[in-house]
């Protein structure tokens, strides 16, 4: 009799532990890896927040957040099956792939704005003024370098001897800029980007206006939009500048089961407040614009979530 009661108690404790550990979760056994960019970037901070939220919501192991150099590496890892979820800028995400797995979108998140930063009290006033200068174009294999190359190519500034390009990330670019080792640097990020705000507090800055370059960029690459950065954003020398804006997507592949993809999208919106606290860029995440991921198709599980929310 005692043995029977004891056996029942052990069974009950085992069942309770099973429930508490998430073993009875619909998504038990799901393991996620998020290709997240460099540690100081927006992708990485949102990835850490999402990993915590998805662990709690889906009752799964905490997703692994993978440090990368940016969108190109994120897409490579995603399509190679080395990551299950990835952040990417739309221009990189929309490139054709020759892999078996194809990127599909969970949501459009927020827009980045291209910054080409020069000294506000210096001689450079436009893109052509970069001739003969040293320019930091982003770290190698980054989304920033991807945009910079496209813009410089279309502007006739990629010919040998035209300017000196160096691959530096944002932090390294700013330090080199302060020391006078580069005359300008490229950055693609949200408004405002804190590192540039901090730089503007110690140096007068100017952002190069891209009004003349945007028609050819838009014609060649329709994924880019025309946008304006107000002078008040960084207390800029001169007036507001026209630049390009670029959407960012949260991606999986067509190998992701629909029920998992749907749960990830639901979790994204349920965690909106947490994401916004992790990084202000998440304030732009909106269920109405989230479906605008063309030319990257929405995953069927994501479609189901948006359709049910509208019903």
Protein backbone atom coordinates (compact mmCIF):
# COMPACT_ATOMS: atom_id res chain seq x y z
CA UNK A 1 0.00 0.00 0.00
CA UNK A 2 2.82 2.37 0.93
CA UNK A 3 4.72 1.30 -2.17
CA UNK A 4 1.67 1.98 -4.36
CA UNK A 5 1.18 5.43 -2.88
CA UNK A 6 4.88 6.17 -3.26
CA UNK A 7 4.83 4.99 -6.86
CA UNK A 8 1.84 7.24 -7.55
CA UNK A 9 3.61 10.20 -5.99
CA UNK A 10 6.73 9.60 -8.12
CA UNK A 11 4.61 9.32 -11.26
CA UNK A 12 2.82 12.56 -10.40
CA UNK A 13 6.14 14.33 -9.81
CA UNK A 14 7.50 13.04 -13.13
CA UNK A 15 4.40 14.27 -14.94
CA UNK A 16 4.63 17.65 -13.23
CA UNK A 17 8.31 17.96 -14.15
CA UNK A 18 7.47 17.03 -17.71
CA UNK A 19 4.89 19.80 -17.93
CA UNK A 20 7.14 22.37 -16.28
CA UNK A 21 10.06 21.50 -18.54
CA UNK A 22 7.95 22.05 -21.63
CA UNK A 23 8.13 18.41 -22.74
CA UNK A 24 4.41 18.49 -23.46
CA UNK A 25 4.74 21.64 -25.57
CA UNK A 26 3.43 21.52 -29.12
CA UNK A 27 6.91 22.56 -30.20
CA UNK A 28 8.94 20.19 -28.04
CA UNK A 29 12.12 19.29 -29.87
CA UNK A 30 12.21 22.50 -31.95
CA UNK A 31 15.74 23.96 -31.94
CA UNK A 32 16.28 27.41 -33.44
CA UNK A 33 19.42 29.27 -34.48
CA UNK A 34 19.17 32.98 -35.31
CA UNK A 35 21.70 34.61 -37.66
CA UNK A 36 21.98 37.93 -35.90
CA UNK A 37 24.75 40.23 -37.12
CA UNK A 38 27.45 41.87 -34.98
CA UNK A 39 26.92 42.30 -31.22
CA UNK A 40 26.45 46.08 -31.19
CA UNK A 41 23.93 46.08 -34.05
CA UNK A 42 20.14 46.27 -34.11
CA UNK A 43 19.80 42.74 -35.51
CA UNK A 44 21.71 41.31 -32.56
CA UNK A 45 19.80 43.16 -29.85
CA UNK A 46 16.46 42.15 -31.39
CA UNK A 47 17.69 38.56 -31.77
CA UNK A 48 18.53 38.31 -28.08
CA UNK A 49 15.10 39.68 -27.15
CA UNK A 50 13.31 37.36 -29.58
CA UNK A 51 15.26 34.35 -28.34
CA UNK A 52 14.06 35.00 -24.80
CA UNK A 53 10.48 35.60 -25.95
CA UNK A 54 10.29 32.52 -28.18
CA UNK A 55 11.77 30.34 -25.44
CA UNK A 56 8.98 31.43 -23.09
CA UNK A 57 6.14 31.46 -25.60
CA UNK A 58 6.88 28.18 -27.40
CA UNK A 59 8.29 26.39 -24.33
CA UNK A 60 11.46 25.44 -26.19
CA UNK A 61 15.16 25.65 -25.50
CA UNK A 62 16.47 29.20 -25.80
CA UNK A 63 17.32 29.79 -29.48
CA UNK A 64 21.01 30.21 -30.23
CA UNK A 65 21.96 33.74 -31.32
CA UNK A 66 24.77 33.54 -33.89
CA UNK A 67 27.18 36.44 -34.34
CA UNK A 68 27.72 37.31 -38.02
CA UNK A 69 29.09 40.12 -40.16
CA UNK A 70 25.65 41.11 -41.48
CA UNK A 71 22.99 40.39 -44.09
CA UNK A 72 25.12 38.54 -46.71
CA UNK A 73 26.46 36.08 -44.15
CA UNK A 74 23.00 35.74 -42.57
CA UNK A 75 21.48 34.71 -45.91
CA UNK A 76 24.30 32.26 -46.62
CA UNK A 77 23.86 30.59 -43.24
CA UNK A 78 20.08 30.48 -43.63
CA UNK A 79 20.15 28.89 -47.08
CA UNK A 80 22.91 26.46 -46.07
CA UNK A 81 20.85 25.21 -43.13
CA UNK A 82 23.31 26.67 -40.60
CA UNK A 83 20.62 29.01 -39.24
CA UNK A 84 16.84 28.64 -39.00
CA UNK A 85 15.93 32.34 -38.70
CA UNK A 86 17.81 35.34 -40.07
CA UNK A 87 17.63 39.10 -40.20
CA UNK A 88 18.47 40.66 -43.56
CA UNK A 89 18.18 43.86 -45.49
CA UNK A 90 15.80 43.55 -48.42
CA UNK A 91 18.43 44.13 -51.11
CA UNK A 92 20.50 41.12 -50.01
CA UNK A 93 17.45 38.98 -49.22
CA UNK A 94 16.05 39.50 -52.72
CA UNK A 95 19.15 38.20 -54.54
CA UNK A 96 18.69 34.90 -56.42
CA UNK A 97 20.12 31.86 -54.65
CA UNK A 98 21.34 28.60 -56.15
CA UNK A 99 20.61 26.66 -52.97
CA UNK A 100 17.90 24.09 -52.36
CA UNK A 101 16.43 26.15 -49.52
CA UNK A 102 14.89 29.50 -50.49
CA UNK A 103 14.37 32.49 -48.18
CA UNK A 104 10.81 33.30 -47.19
CA UNK A 105 9.72 36.19 -45.00
CA UNK A 106 8.01 36.20 -41.64
CA UNK A 107 7.70 39.99 -41.51
CA UNK A 108 8.96 43.33 -42.70
CA UNK A 109 10.41 44.99 -39.61
CA UNK A 110 11.80 48.52 -39.98
CA UNK A 111 13.72 50.66 -42.46
CA UNK A 112 17.40 51.56 -42.48
CA UNK A 113 18.68 54.86 -43.88
CA UNK A 114 21.96 55.23 -45.74
CA UNK A 115 24.37 57.66 -44.08
CA UNK A 116 27.49 58.96 -45.84
CA UNK A 117 29.20 60.95 -43.12
CA UNK A 118 31.79 63.69 -43.71
CA UNK A 119 33.02 66.59 -41.61
CA UNK A 120 30.62 69.51 -41.47
CA UNK A 121 33.53 71.99 -41.70
CA UNK A 122 35.33 70.08 -44.48
CA UNK A 123 35.38 70.51 -48.27
CA UNK A 124 33.28 67.48 -49.27
CA UNK A 125 29.77 68.54 -50.30
CA UNK A 126 28.62 65.73 -52.60
CA UNK A 127 29.44 62.25 -53.87
CA UNK A 128 31.87 63.59 -56.45
CA UNK A 129 33.82 65.20 -53.62
CA UNK A 130 34.85 61.71 -52.49
CA UNK A 131 37.32 61.49 -55.39
CA UNK A 132 40.84 61.18 -54.09
CA UNK A 133 39.73 60.52 -50.49
CA UNK A 134 39.82 57.52 -48.13
CA UNK A 135 36.35 56.13 -47.47
CA UNK A 136 35.26 53.45 -44.98
CA UNK A 137 32.53 51.43 -46.69
CA UNK A 138 31.54 49.04 -43.90
CA UNK A 139 33.00 45.77 -42.72
CA UNK A 140 33.69 43.11 -45.32
CA UNK A 141 30.64 40.99 -46.15
CA UNK A 142 28.30 43.48 -44.48
CA UNK A 143 25.06 44.93 -45.80
CA UNK A 144 26.61 48.40 -45.57
CA UNK A 145 29.44 47.41 -47.92
CA UNK A 146 26.89 45.83 -50.26
CA UNK A 147 24.99 49.13 -50.63
CA UNK A 148 28.19 51.21 -50.80
CA UNK A 149 29.52 49.14 -53.70
CA UNK A 150 26.27 49.50 -55.64
CA UNK A 151 26.14 53.26 -55.11
CA UNK A 152 29.81 53.84 -55.93
CA UNK A 153 29.54 51.67 -59.06
CA UNK A 154 26.54 53.60 -60.38
CA UNK A 155 28.16 56.94 -59.50
CA UNK A 156 31.36 56.17 -61.41
CA UNK A 157 33.47 56.12 -58.26
CA UNK A 158 34.60 52.50 -58.34
CA UNK A 159 37.29 52.83 -61.02
CA UNK A 160 40.83 52.10 -59.75
CA UNK A 161 42.49 55.20 -58.36
CA UNK A 162 39.23 57.13 -57.94
CA UNK A 163 39.13 56.76 -54.16
CA UNK A 164 40.56 54.46 -51.51
CA UNK A 165 38.03 52.08 -49.98
CA UNK A 166 38.66 50.49 -46.60
CA UNK A 167 36.52 47.90 -44.86
CA UNK A 168 35.69 49.02 -41.34
CA UNK A 169 32.66 48.47 -39.14
CA UNK A 170 30.80 51.40 -37.62
CA UNK A 171 32.84 51.66 -34.42
CA UNK A 172 36.13 51.33 -36.28
CA UNK A 173 34.97 53.80 -38.95
CA UNK A 174 34.14 56.43 -36.33
CA UNK A 175 37.49 56.04 -34.58
CA UNK A 176 39.36 56.29 -37.89
CA UNK A 177 37.24 59.34 -38.82
CA UNK A 178 38.12 61.04 -35.55
CA UNK A 179 41.83 60.42 -36.16
CA UNK A 180 41.62 61.73 -39.71
CA UNK A 181 42.51 58.35 -41.20
CA UNK A 182 39.35 58.32 -43.33
CA UNK A 183 37.58 61.32 -44.86
CA UNK A 184 34.12 59.75 -44.98
CA UNK A 185 32.30 56.63 -43.91
CA UNK A 186 29.18 54.74 -44.96
CA UNK A 187 26.56 53.46 -42.55
CA UNK A 188 23.07 52.04 -43.03
CA UNK A 189 20.91 52.14 -39.91
CA UNK A 190 17.88 53.50 -38.14
CA UNK A 191 17.24 57.10 -37.15
CA UNK A 192 18.94 58.17 -35.09
CA UNK A 193 21.95 55.86 -34.89
CA UNK A 194 23.34 56.43 -31.40
CA UNK A 195 26.99 56.12 -32.40
CA UNK A 196 26.56 58.91 -34.95
CA UNK A 197 24.61 61.02 -32.46
CA UNK A 198 27.54 60.67 -30.07
CA UNK A 199 29.99 61.61 -32.84
CA UNK A 200 27.93 64.69 -33.73
CA UNK A 201 28.28 65.85 -30.13
CA UNK A 202 32.06 66.21 -30.54
CA UNK A 203 32.50 66.94 -34.26
CA UNK A 204 30.47 68.97 -36.80
CA UNK A 205 28.98 66.51 -39.29
CA UNK A 206 27.45 66.60 -42.74
CA UNK A 207 25.56 63.81 -44.51
CA UNK A 208 25.95 63.71 -48.27
CA UNK A 209 22.74 64.35 -50.20
CA UNK A 210 21.88 61.62 -52.75
CA UNK A 211 19.18 63.46 -54.71
CA UNK A 212 21.08 63.17 -58.00
CA UNK A 213 22.00 59.51 -57.47
CA UNK A 214 18.58 58.20 -56.42
CA UNK A 215 16.93 58.00 -59.88
CA UNK A 216 19.61 55.64 -61.19
CA UNK A 217 19.63 53.63 -57.94
CA UNK A 218 15.84 53.29 -57.97
CA UNK A 219 15.81 52.41 -61.66
CA UNK A 220 18.50 49.76 -61.27
CA UNK A 221 17.40 48.49 -57.85
CA UNK A 222 13.70 49.16 -57.11
CA UNK A 223 14.07 47.67 -53.62
CA UNK A 224 15.46 51.03 -52.45
CA UNK A 225 13.15 53.88 -51.48
CA UNK A 226 13.84 57.61 -51.39
CA UNK A 227 13.75 59.16 -47.92
CA UNK A 228 14.84 62.28 -46.05
CA UNK A 229 16.96 62.69 -42.94
CA UNK A 230 15.96 65.89 -41.10
CA UNK A 231 18.71 68.28 -40.05
CA UNK A 232 17.60 67.92 -36.42
CA UNK A 233 18.41 64.20 -36.38
CA UNK A 234 22.12 64.86 -35.80
CA UNK A 235 22.30 68.67 -35.67
CA UNK A 236 23.71 68.52 -39.19
CA UNK A 237 25.64 71.16 -41.05
CA UNK A 238 23.49 72.33 -43.98
CA UNK A 239 19.88 71.30 -44.46
CA UNK A 240 18.00 67.98 -44.57
CA UNK A 241 19.39 65.38 -46.95
CA UNK A 242 17.80 62.97 -49.40
CA UNK A 243 19.03 59.42 -49.07
CA UNK A 244 17.88 55.87 -49.65
CA UNK A 245 15.82 53.80 -47.25
CA UNK A 246 15.88 50.04 -47.15
CA UNK A 247 13.46 47.61 -45.45
CA UNK A 248 14.71 44.88 -43.12
CA UNK A 249 13.08 41.46 -43.04
CA UNK A 250 12.84 38.58 -40.58
CA UNK A 251 13.37 35.42 -42.63
CA UNK A 252 13.16 31.65 -42.54
CA UNK A 253 13.23 29.25 -45.49
CA UNK A 254 10.64 27.15 -47.27
CA UNK A 255 11.87 24.19 -45.17
CA UNK A 256 10.33 25.71 -42.02
CA UNK A 257 7.07 23.93 -41.02
CA UNK A 258 4.05 26.21 -41.35
CA UNK A 259 2.94 25.77 -37.73
CA UNK A 260 6.37 26.81 -36.45
CA UNK A 261 6.54 29.82 -38.76
CA UNK A 262 3.08 30.93 -37.67
CA UNK A 263 4.06 30.62 -34.00
CA UNK A 264 7.22 32.66 -34.58
CA UNK A 265 5.27 35.49 -36.19
CA UNK A 266 2.70 35.46 -33.40
CA UNK A 267 5.53 35.53 -30.89
CA UNK A 268 7.15 38.46 -32.68
CA UNK A 269 4.04 40.61 -32.28
CA UNK A 270 3.27 39.38 -28.77
CA UNK A 271 6.79 40.48 -27.77
CA UNK A 272 6.58 43.88 -29.47
CA UNK A 273 6.98 45.78 -26.20
CA UNK A 274 10.02 43.75 -25.20
CA UNK A 275 11.63 44.28 -28.60
CA UNK A 276 11.06 48.03 -28.45
CA UNK A 277 12.74 48.16 -25.05
CA UNK A 278 15.68 46.23 -26.50
CA UNK A 279 16.00 48.63 -29.44
CA UNK A 280 13.89 51.59 -30.56
CA UNK A 281 13.95 50.36 -34.15
CA UNK A 282 11.31 47.81 -33.14
CA UNK A 283 8.80 50.63 -32.61
CA UNK A 284 8.37 50.60 -36.41
CA UNK A 285 7.20 46.97 -36.50
CA UNK A 286 3.54 47.10 -37.54
CA UNK A 287 1.18 44.30 -38.48
CA UNK A 288 -0.17 46.25 -41.46
CA UNK A 289 3.21 46.90 -43.11
CA UNK A 290 4.73 43.58 -42.00
CA UNK A 291 3.25 41.79 -45.00
CA UNK A 292 5.02 44.12 -47.47
CA UNK A 293 8.01 41.87 -48.14
CA UNK A 294 8.06 41.90 -51.94
CA UNK A 295 10.12 40.59 -53.73
CA UNK A 296 10.67 38.02 -50.97
CA UNK A 297 7.54 35.85 -50.62
CA UNK A 298 5.82 35.48 -47.27
CA UNK A 299 6.09 32.03 -45.70
CA UNK A 300 2.72 30.16 -45.79
CA UNK A 301 2.70 30.03 -41.98
CA UNK A 302 3.16 33.80 -41.83
CA UNK A 303 0.36 34.26 -44.37
CA UNK A 304 -1.92 32.17 -42.16
CA UNK A 305 -1.14 34.35 -39.14
CA UNK A 306 -1.87 37.62 -40.98
CA UNK A 307 -5.03 36.21 -42.56
CA UNK A 308 -6.35 35.04 -39.19
CA UNK A 309 -5.55 38.40 -37.57
CA UNK A 310 -7.55 40.23 -40.23
CA UNK A 311 -10.52 37.88 -39.89
